[in-house]
Each structure stands twice: as C-alpha cells, then as structure tokens.
Amino acid sequence: MTDYDKLKHLGFSQYEITCYLTLAARHPINGSQLSSISGMARSRVYDVLRNMVRKGLVLDIGGGLYVPLPPDE
C-alpha cells in the first residue's frame, strides 16, 4: 500500500494528501512554498492547511511555517 493509499484510507481528502505528503518531504515550509512545490493554488493551500491544523494533522510553528504531525491510525 502506498503512502497515498494509506492516507486515503485514514480519510484524508486528495488536497490534504497532496499537502501532507509535500510537507512530509519538505518541512518546515510556508503556504507559498507548498503551493509552488505541490502545484496547488495558493488560496487552496491555505484553506487546506487551516483545516488540517484544526484536525490536528499539521502544526503551525509560527512565522507562517507548517510541519506535518503523524496521522492517527
């Protein structure tokens, strides 16, 4: 099972998977960098990051930087 499949199985949306895998590979990064690396629209990235912070999947470490947290299994 791929990382994508594992995250999908845990209930991540396609956008959340893209953000999470990009963060896992290149953290800490800000939303603009995440947008450039992932190819997602910047406005969409910030919406997804806000939702992921609320869900406890991503941590805002200050200065506009984000890091992934381990998903619950």
PDB file of N, CA and C in Angstrom:
ATOM      1  N   MET A   1       0.849  -1.181   0.000  1.00  0.00           N
ATOM      2  CA  MET A   1       0.000   0.000   0.000  1.00  0.00           C
ATOM      3  C   MET A   1       0.893   1.243   0.000  1.00  0.00           C
ATOM      4  N   THR A   2       0.618   2.173  -0.897  1.00  0.00           N
ATOM      5  CA  THR A   2       1.413   3.401  -0.997  1.00  0.00           C
ATOM      6  C   THR A   2       1.038   4.376   0.118  1.00  0.00           C
ATOM      7  N   ASP A   3       1.883   5.390   0.315  1.00  0.00           N
ATOM      8  CA  ASP A   3       1.573   6.430   1.302  1.00  0.00           C
ATOM      9  C   ASP A   3       0.253   7.104   0.962  1.00  0.00           C
ATOM     10  N   TYR A   4       0.030   7.360  -0.340  1.00  0.00           N
ATOM     11  CA  TYR A   4      -1.224   7.970  -0.785  1.00  0.00           C
ATOM     12  C   TYR A   4      -2.399   7.099  -0.351  1.00  0.00           C
ATOM     13  N   ASP A   5      -2.318   5.815  -0.602  1.00  0.00           N
ATOM     14  CA  ASP A   5      -3.395   4.891  -0.251  1.00  0.00           C
ATOM     15  C   ASP A   5      -3.625   4.835   1.256  1.00  0.00           C
ATOM     16  N   LYS A   6      -2.536   4.839   2.020  1.00  0.00           N
ATOM     17  CA  LYS A   6      -2.661   4.812   3.485  1.00  0.00           C
ATOM     18  C   LYS A   6      -3.392   6.051   3.992  1.00  0.00           C
ATOM     19  N   LEU A   7      -3.018   7.224   3.465  1.00  0.00           N
ATOM     20  CA  LEU A   7      -3.669   8.466   3.893  1.00  0.00           C
ATOM     21  C   LEU A   7      -5.124   8.505   3.443  1.00  0.00           C
ATOM     22  N   LYS A   8      -5.395   8.022   2.248  1.00  0.00           N
ATOM     23  CA  LYS A   8      -6.780   7.957   1.748  1.00  0.00           C
ATOM     24  C   LYS A   8      -7.604   7.062   2.664  1.00  0.00           C
ATOM     25  N   HIS A   9      -7.027   5.940   3.075  1.00  0.00           N
ATOM     26  CA  HIS A   9      -7.701   5.009   3.980  1.00  0.00           C
ATOM     27  C   HIS A   9      -8.004   5.666   5.330  1.00  0.00           C
ATOM     28  N   LEU A  10      -7.141   6.580   5.759  1.00  0.00           N
ATOM     29  CA  LEU A  10      -7.352   7.301   7.016  1.00  0.00           C
ATOM     30  C   LEU A  10      -8.367   8.439   6.883  1.00  0.00           C
ATOM     31  N   GLY A  11      -8.853   8.674   5.671  1.00  0.00           N
ATOM     32  CA  GLY A  11      -9.895   9.688   5.482  1.00  0.00           C
ATOM     33  C   GLY A  11      -9.406  11.023   4.969  1.00  0.00           C
ATOM     34  N   PHE A  12      -8.160  11.119   4.564  1.00  0.00           N
ATOM     35  CA  PHE A  12      -7.634  12.370   4.009  1.00  0.00           C
ATOM     36  C   PHE A  12      -8.282  12.624   2.649  1.00  0.00           C
ATOM     37  N   SER A  13      -8.554  13.900   2.345  1.00  0.00           N
ATOM     38  CA  SER A  13      -9.022  14.277   1.009  1.00  0.00           C
ATOM     39  C   SER A  13      -7.817  14.309   0.065  1.00  0.00           C
ATOM     40  N   GLN A  14      -8.085  14.407  -1.223  1.00  0.00           N
ATOM     41  CA  GLN A  14      -6.991  14.472  -2.195  1.00  0.00           C
ATOM     42  C   GLN A  14      -6.092  15.683  -1.930  1.00  0.00           C
ATOM     43  N   TYR A  15      -6.701  16.838  -1.629  1.00  0.00           N
ATOM     44  CA  TYR A  15      -5.913  18.036  -1.330  1.00  0.00           C
ATOM     45  C   TYR A  15      -5.082  17.855  -0.057  1.00  0.00           C
ATOM     46  N   GLU A  16      -5.691  17.237   0.966  1.00  0.00           N
ATOM     47  CA  GLU A  16      -4.960  17.005   2.208  1.00  0.00           C
ATOM     48  C   GLU A  16      -3.779  16.061   1.970  1.00  0.00           C
ATOM     49  N   ILE A  17      -3.986  15.051   1.157  1.00  0.00           N
ATOM     50  CA  ILE A  17      -2.899  14.114   0.857  1.00  0.00           C
ATOM     51  C   ILE A  17      -1.755  14.836   0.159  1.00  0.00           C
ATOM     52  N   THR A  18      -2.090  15.652  -0.823  1.00  0.00           N
ATOM     53  CA  THR A  18      -1.060  16.403  -1.547  1.00  0.00           C
ATOM     54  C   THR A  18      -0.280  17.310  -0.601  1.00  0.00           C
ATOM     55  N   CYS A  19      -0.986  18.058   0.234  1.00  0.00           N
ATOM     56  CA  CYS A  19      -0.319  18.949   1.193  1.00  0.00           C
ATOM     57  C   CYS A  19       0.519  18.155   2.188  1.00  0.00           C
ATOM     58  N   TYR A  20      -0.057  17.092   2.741  1.00  0.00           N
ATOM     59  CA  TYR A  20       0.630  16.314   3.769  1.00  0.00           C
ATOM     60  C   TYR A  20       1.905  15.674   3.237  1.00  0.00           C
ATOM     61  N   LEU A  21       1.816  15.057   2.071  1.00  0.00           N
ATOM     62  CA  LEU A  21       3.000  14.404   1.510  1.00  0.00           C
ATOM     63  C   LEU A  21       4.078  15.424   1.140  1.00  0.00           C
ATOM     64  N   THR A  22       3.660  16.592   0.662  1.00  0.00           N
ATOM     65  CA  THR A  22       4.628  17.647   0.357  1.00  0.00           C
ATOM     66  C   THR A  22       5.282  18.158   1.633  1.00  0.00           C
ATOM     67  N   LEU A  23       4.487  18.357   2.684  1.00  0.00           N
ATOM     68  CA  LEU A  23       5.039  18.784   3.971  1.00  0.00           C
ATOM     69  C   LEU A  23       5.987  17.735   4.541  1.00  0.00           C
ATOM     70  N   ALA A  24       5.617  16.475   4.420  1.00  0.00           N
ATOM     71  CA  ALA A  24       6.450  15.399   4.959  1.00  0.00           C
ATOM     72  C   ALA A  24       7.815  15.370   4.277  1.00  0.00           C
ATOM     73  N   ALA A  25       7.832  15.696   3.001  1.00  0.00           N
ATOM     74  CA  ALA A  25       9.081  15.676   2.245  1.00  0.00           C
ATOM     75  C   ALA A  25       9.909  16.937   2.428  1.00  0.00           C
ATOM     76  N   ARG A  26       9.253  18.068   2.713  1.00  0.00           N
ATOM     77  CA  ARG A  26       9.961  19.362   2.719  1.00  0.00           C
ATOM     78  C   ARG A  26       9.471  20.251   3.856  1.00  0.00           C
ATOM     79  N   HIS A  27       9.693  19.892   5.092  1.00  0.00           N
ATOM     80  CA  HIS A  27       9.230  20.737   6.191  1.00  0.00           C
ATOM     81  C   HIS A  27      10.408  21.287   6.979  1.00  0.00           C
ATOM     82  N   PRO A  28      10.238  22.400   7.657  1.00  0.00           N
ATOM     83  CA  PRO A  28       9.050  23.262   7.626  1.00  0.00           C
ATOM     84  C   PRO A  28       9.043  24.135   6.374  1.00  0.00           C
ATOM     85  N   ILE A  29       7.851  24.392   5.862  1.00  0.00           N
ATOM     86  CA  ILE A  29       7.685  25.307   4.728  1.00  0.00           C
ATOM     87  C   ILE A  29       6.437  26.138   4.935  1.00  0.00           C
ATOM     88  N   ASN A  30       6.363  27.238   4.182  1.00  0.00           N
ATOM     89  CA  ASN A  30       5.176  28.094   4.272  1.00  0.00           C
ATOM     90  C   ASN A  30       4.200  27.743   3.145  1.00  0.00           C
ATOM     91  N   GLY A  31       3.037  28.351   3.191  1.00  0.00           N
ATOM     92  CA  GLY A  31       1.993  28.055   2.213  1.00  0.00           C
ATOM     93  C   GLY A  31       2.393  28.381   0.789  1.00  0.00           C
ATOM     94  N   SER A  32       3.128  29.461   0.595  1.00  0.00           N
ATOM     95  CA  SER A  32       3.574  29.841  -0.744  1.00  0.00           C
ATOM     96  C   SER A  32       4.517  28.797  -1.321  1.00  0.00           C
ATOM     97  N   GLN A  33       5.466  28.346  -0.502  1.00  0.00           N
ATOM     98  CA  GLN A  33       6.390  27.305  -0.945  1.00  0.00           C
ATOM     99  C   GLN A  33       5.641  26.000  -1.223  1.00  0.00           C
ATOM    100  N   LEU A  34       4.705  25.674  -0.360  1.00  0.00           N
ATOM    101  CA  LEU A  34       3.904  24.464  -0.537  1.00  0.00           C
ATOM    102  C   LEU A  34       3.120  24.522  -1.838  1.00  0.00           C
ATOM    103  N   SER A  35       2.578  25.681  -2.150  1.00  0.00           N
ATOM    104  CA  SER A  35       1.849  25.878  -3.401  1.00  0.00           C
ATOM    105  C   SER A  35       2.761  25.663  -4.603  1.00  0.00           C
ATOM    106  N   SER A  36       3.945  26.250  -4.562  1.00  0.00           N
ATOM    107  CA  SER A  36       4.890  26.122  -5.677  1.00  0.00           C
ATOM    108  C   SER A  36       5.335  24.675  -5.888  1.00  0.00           C
ATOM    109  N   ILE A  37       5.623  23.986  -4.798  1.00  0.00           N
ATOM    110  CA  ILE A  37       6.120  22.611  -4.893  1.00  0.00           C
ATOM    111  C   ILE A  37       5.019  21.641  -5.314  1.00  0.00           C
ATOM    112  N   SER A  38       3.822  21.815  -4.749  1.00  0.00           N
ATOM    113  CA  SER A  38       2.735  20.861  -4.980  1.00  0.00           C
ATOM    114  C   SER A  38       1.945  21.132  -6.258  1.00  0.00           C
ATOM    115  N   GLY A  39       1.998  22.391  -6.738  1.00  0.00           N
ATOM    116  CA  GLY A  39       1.210  22.750  -7.909  1.00  0.00           C
ATOM    117  C   GLY A  39      -0.219  23.155  -7.579  1.00  0.00           C
ATOM    118  N   MET A  40      -0.567  23.196  -6.298  1.00  0.00           N
ATOM    119  CA  MET A  40      -1.909  23.622  -5.880  1.00  0.00           C
ATOM    120  C   MET A  40      -1.974  25.149  -5.848  1.00  0.00           C
ATOM    121  N   ALA A  41      -3.163  25.679  -6.071  1.00  0.00           N
ATOM    122  CA  ALA A  41      -3.361  27.127  -5.981  1.00  0.00           C
ATOM    123  C   ALA A  41      -3.076  27.590  -4.556  1.00  0.00           C
ATOM    124  N   ARG A  42      -2.417  28.735  -4.428  1.00  0.00           N
ATOM    125  CA  ARG A  42      -2.036  29.240  -3.105  1.00  0.00           C
ATOM    126  C   ARG A  42      -3.242  29.409  -2.188  1.00  0.00           C
ATOM    127  N   SER A  43      -4.346  29.957  -2.711  1.00  0.00           N
ATOM    128  CA  SER A  43      -5.532  30.158  -1.875  1.00  0.00           C
ATOM    129  C   SER A  43      -6.068  28.822  -1.372  1.00  0.00           C
ATOM    130  N   ARG A  44      -6.021  27.797  -2.208  1.00  0.00           N
ATOM    131  CA  ARG A  44      -6.493  26.460  -1.810  1.00  0.00           C
ATOM    132  C   ARG A  44      -5.567  25.859  -0.763  1.00  0.00           C
ATOM    133  N   VAL A  45      -4.272  26.060  -0.920  1.00  0.00           N
ATOM    134  CA  VAL A  45      -3.304  25.536   0.042  1.00  0.00           C
ATOM    135  C   VAL A  45      -3.595  26.080   1.433  1.00  0.00           C
ATOM    136  N   TYR A  46      -3.831  27.386   1.544  1.00  0.00           N
ATOM    137  CA  TYR A  46      -4.076  27.968   2.862  1.00  0.00           C
ATOM    138  C   TYR A  46      -5.382  27.464   3.461  1.00  0.00           C
ATOM    139  N   ASP A  47      -6.412  27.250   2.658  1.00  0.00           N
ATOM    140  CA  ASP A  47      -7.664  26.667   3.155  1.00  0.00           C
ATOM    141  C   ASP A  47      -7.424  25.264   3.700  1.00  0.00           C
ATOM    142  N   VAL A  48      -6.698  24.468   2.937  1.00  0.00           N
ATOM    143  CA  VAL A  48      -6.412  23.094   3.346  1.00  0.00           C
ATOM    144  C   VAL A  48      -5.543  23.081   4.611  1.00  0.00           C
ATOM    145  N   LEU A  49      -4.532  23.934   4.672  1.00  0.00           N
ATOM    146  CA  LEU A  49      -3.683  23.999   5.860  1.00  0.00           C
ATOM    147  C   LEU A  49      -4.486  24.367   7.100  1.00  0.00           C
ATOM    148  N   ARG A  50      -5.381  25.347   6.995  1.00  0.00           N
ATOM    149  CA  ARG A  50      -6.222  25.732   8.136  1.00  0.00           C
ATOM    150  C   ARG A  50      -7.052  24.548   8.620  1.00  0.00           C
ATOM    151  N   ASN A  51      -7.649  23.825   7.683  1.00  0.00           N
ATOM    152  CA  ASN A  51      -8.463  22.662   8.056  1.00  0.00           C
ATOM    153  C   ASN A  51      -7.606  21.563   8.684  1.00  0.00           C
ATOM    154  N   MET A  52      -6.416  21.364   8.149  1.00  0.00           N
ATOM    155  CA  MET A  52      -5.544  20.323   8.691  1.00  0.00           C
ATOM    156  C   MET A  52      -5.012  20.687  10.078  1.00  0.00           C
ATOM    157  N   VAL A  53      -4.784  21.967  10.326  1.00  0.00           N
ATOM    158  CA  VAL A  53      -4.385  22.410  11.663  1.00  0.00           C
ATOM    159  C   VAL A  53      -5.526  22.128  12.633  1.00  0.00           C
ATOM    160  N   ARG A  54      -6.769  22.454  12.238  1.00  0.00           N
ATOM    161  CA  ARG A  54      -7.938  22.195  13.091  1.00  0.00           C
ATOM    162  C   ARG A  54      -8.111  20.711  13.400  1.00  0.00           C
ATOM    163  N   LYS A  55      -7.781  19.863  12.436  1.00  0.00           N
ATOM    164  CA  LYS A  55      -7.914  18.411  12.609  1.00  0.00           C
ATOM    165  C   LYS A  55      -6.739  17.797  13.368  1.00  0.00           C
ATOM    166  N   GLY A  56      -5.696  18.591  13.638  1.00  0.00           N
ATOM    167  CA  GLY A  56      -4.532  18.077  14.345  1.00  0.00           C
ATOM    168  C   GLY A  56      -3.585  17.278  13.471  1.00  0.00           C
ATOM    169  N   LEU A  57      -3.621  17.533  12.155  1.00  0.00           N
ATOM    170  CA  LEU A  57      -2.761  16.812  11.219  1.00  0.00           C
ATOM    171  C   LEU A  57      -1.494  17.583  10.882  1.00  0.00           C
ATOM    172  N   VAL A  58      -1.559  18.898  11.055  1.00  0.00           N
ATOM    173  CA  VAL A  58      -0.456  19.802  10.717  1.00  0.00           C
ATOM    174  C   VAL A  58      -0.315  20.801  11.859  1.00  0.00           C
ATOM    175  N   LEU A  59       0.892  21.213  12.131  1.00  0.00           N
ATOM    176  CA  LEU A  59       1.160  22.186  13.175  1.00  0.00           C
ATOM    177  C   LEU A  59       1.701  23.473  12.561  1.00  0.00           C
ATOM    178  N   ASP A  60       1.115  24.603  12.941  1.00  0.00           N
ATOM    179  CA  ASP A  60       1.626  25.923  12.571  1.00  0.00           C
ATOM    180  C   ASP A  60       2.673  26.282  13.613  1.00  0.00           C
ATOM    181  N   ILE A  61       3.953  26.285  13.225  1.00  0.00           N
ATOM    182  CA  ILE A  61       5.030  26.513  14.189  1.00  0.00           C
ATOM    183  C   ILE A  61       5.424  27.982  14.309  1.00  0.00           C
ATOM    184  N   GLY A  62       4.647  28.848  13.678  1.00  0.00           N
ATOM    185  CA  GLY A  62       4.916  30.276  13.754  1.00  0.00           C
ATOM    186  C   GLY A  62       5.689  30.762  12.549  1.00  0.00           C
ATOM    187  N   GLY A  63       5.582  32.035  12.300  1.00  0.00           N
ATOM    188  CA  GLY A  63       6.271  32.627  11.164  1.00  0.00           C
ATOM    189  C   GLY A  63       5.725  32.136   9.830  1.00  0.00           C
ATOM    190  N   GLY A  64       4.503  31.610   9.854  1.00  0.00           N
ATOM    191  CA  GLY A  64       3.884  31.111   8.627  1.00  0.00           C
ATOM    192  C   GLY A  64       4.402  29.753   8.174  1.00  0.00           C
ATOM    193  N   LEU A  65       5.128  29.062   9.055  1.00  0.00           N
ATOM    194  CA  LEU A  65       5.699  27.760   8.704  1.00  0.00           C
ATOM    195  C   LEU A  65       4.851  26.621   9.268  1.00  0.00           C
ATOM    196  N   TYR A  66       4.794  25.537   8.508  1.00  0.00           N
ATOM    197  CA  TYR A  66       3.975  24.383   8.886  1.00  0.00           C
ATOM    198  C   TYR A  66       4.806  23.110   8.852  1.00  0.00           C
ATOM    199  N   VAL A  67       4.442  22.170   9.742  1.00  0.00           N
ATOM    200  CA  VAL A  67       5.052  20.848   9.758  1.00  0.00           C
ATOM    201  C   VAL A  67       3.947  19.815   9.913  1.00  0.00           C
ATOM    202  N   PRO A  68       4.144  18.626   9.347  1.00  0.00           N
ATOM    203  CA  PRO A  68       3.130  17.579   9.494  1.00  0.00           C
ATOM    204  C   PRO A  68       3.245  16.900  10.855  1.00  0.00           C
ATOM    205  N   LEU A  69       2.115  16.431  11.368  1.00  0.00           N
ATOM    206  CA  LEU A  69       2.102  15.604  12.572  1.00  0.00           C
ATOM    207  C   LEU A  69       1.723  14.189  12.140  1.00  0.00           C
ATOM    208  N   PRO A  70       2.140  13.178  12.883  1.00  0.00           N
ATOM    209  CA  PRO A  70       1.787  11.809  12.496  1.00  0.00           C
ATOM    210  C   PRO A  70       0.265  11.617  12.524  1.00  0.00           C
ATOM    211  N   PRO A  71      -0.311  11.049  11.460  1.00  0.00           N
ATOM    212  CA  PRO A  71      -1.756  10.806  11.480  1.00  0.00           C
ATOM    213  C   PRO A  71      -2.087   9.678  12.445  1.00  0.00           C
ATOM    214  N   ASP A  72      -3.264   9.769  13.072  1.00  0.00           N
ATOM    215  CA  ASP A  72      -3.718   8.681  13.946  1.00  0.00           C
ATOM    216  C   ASP A  72      -4.079   7.497  13.090  1.00  0.00           C
ATOM    217  N   GLU A  73      -3.768   6.336  13.580  1.00  0.00           N
ATOM    218  CA  GLU A  73      -4.099   5.129  12.805  1.00  0.00           C
ATOM    219  C   GLU A  73      -5.402   4.550  13.292  1.00  0.00           C
TER     220      GLU A  73
END
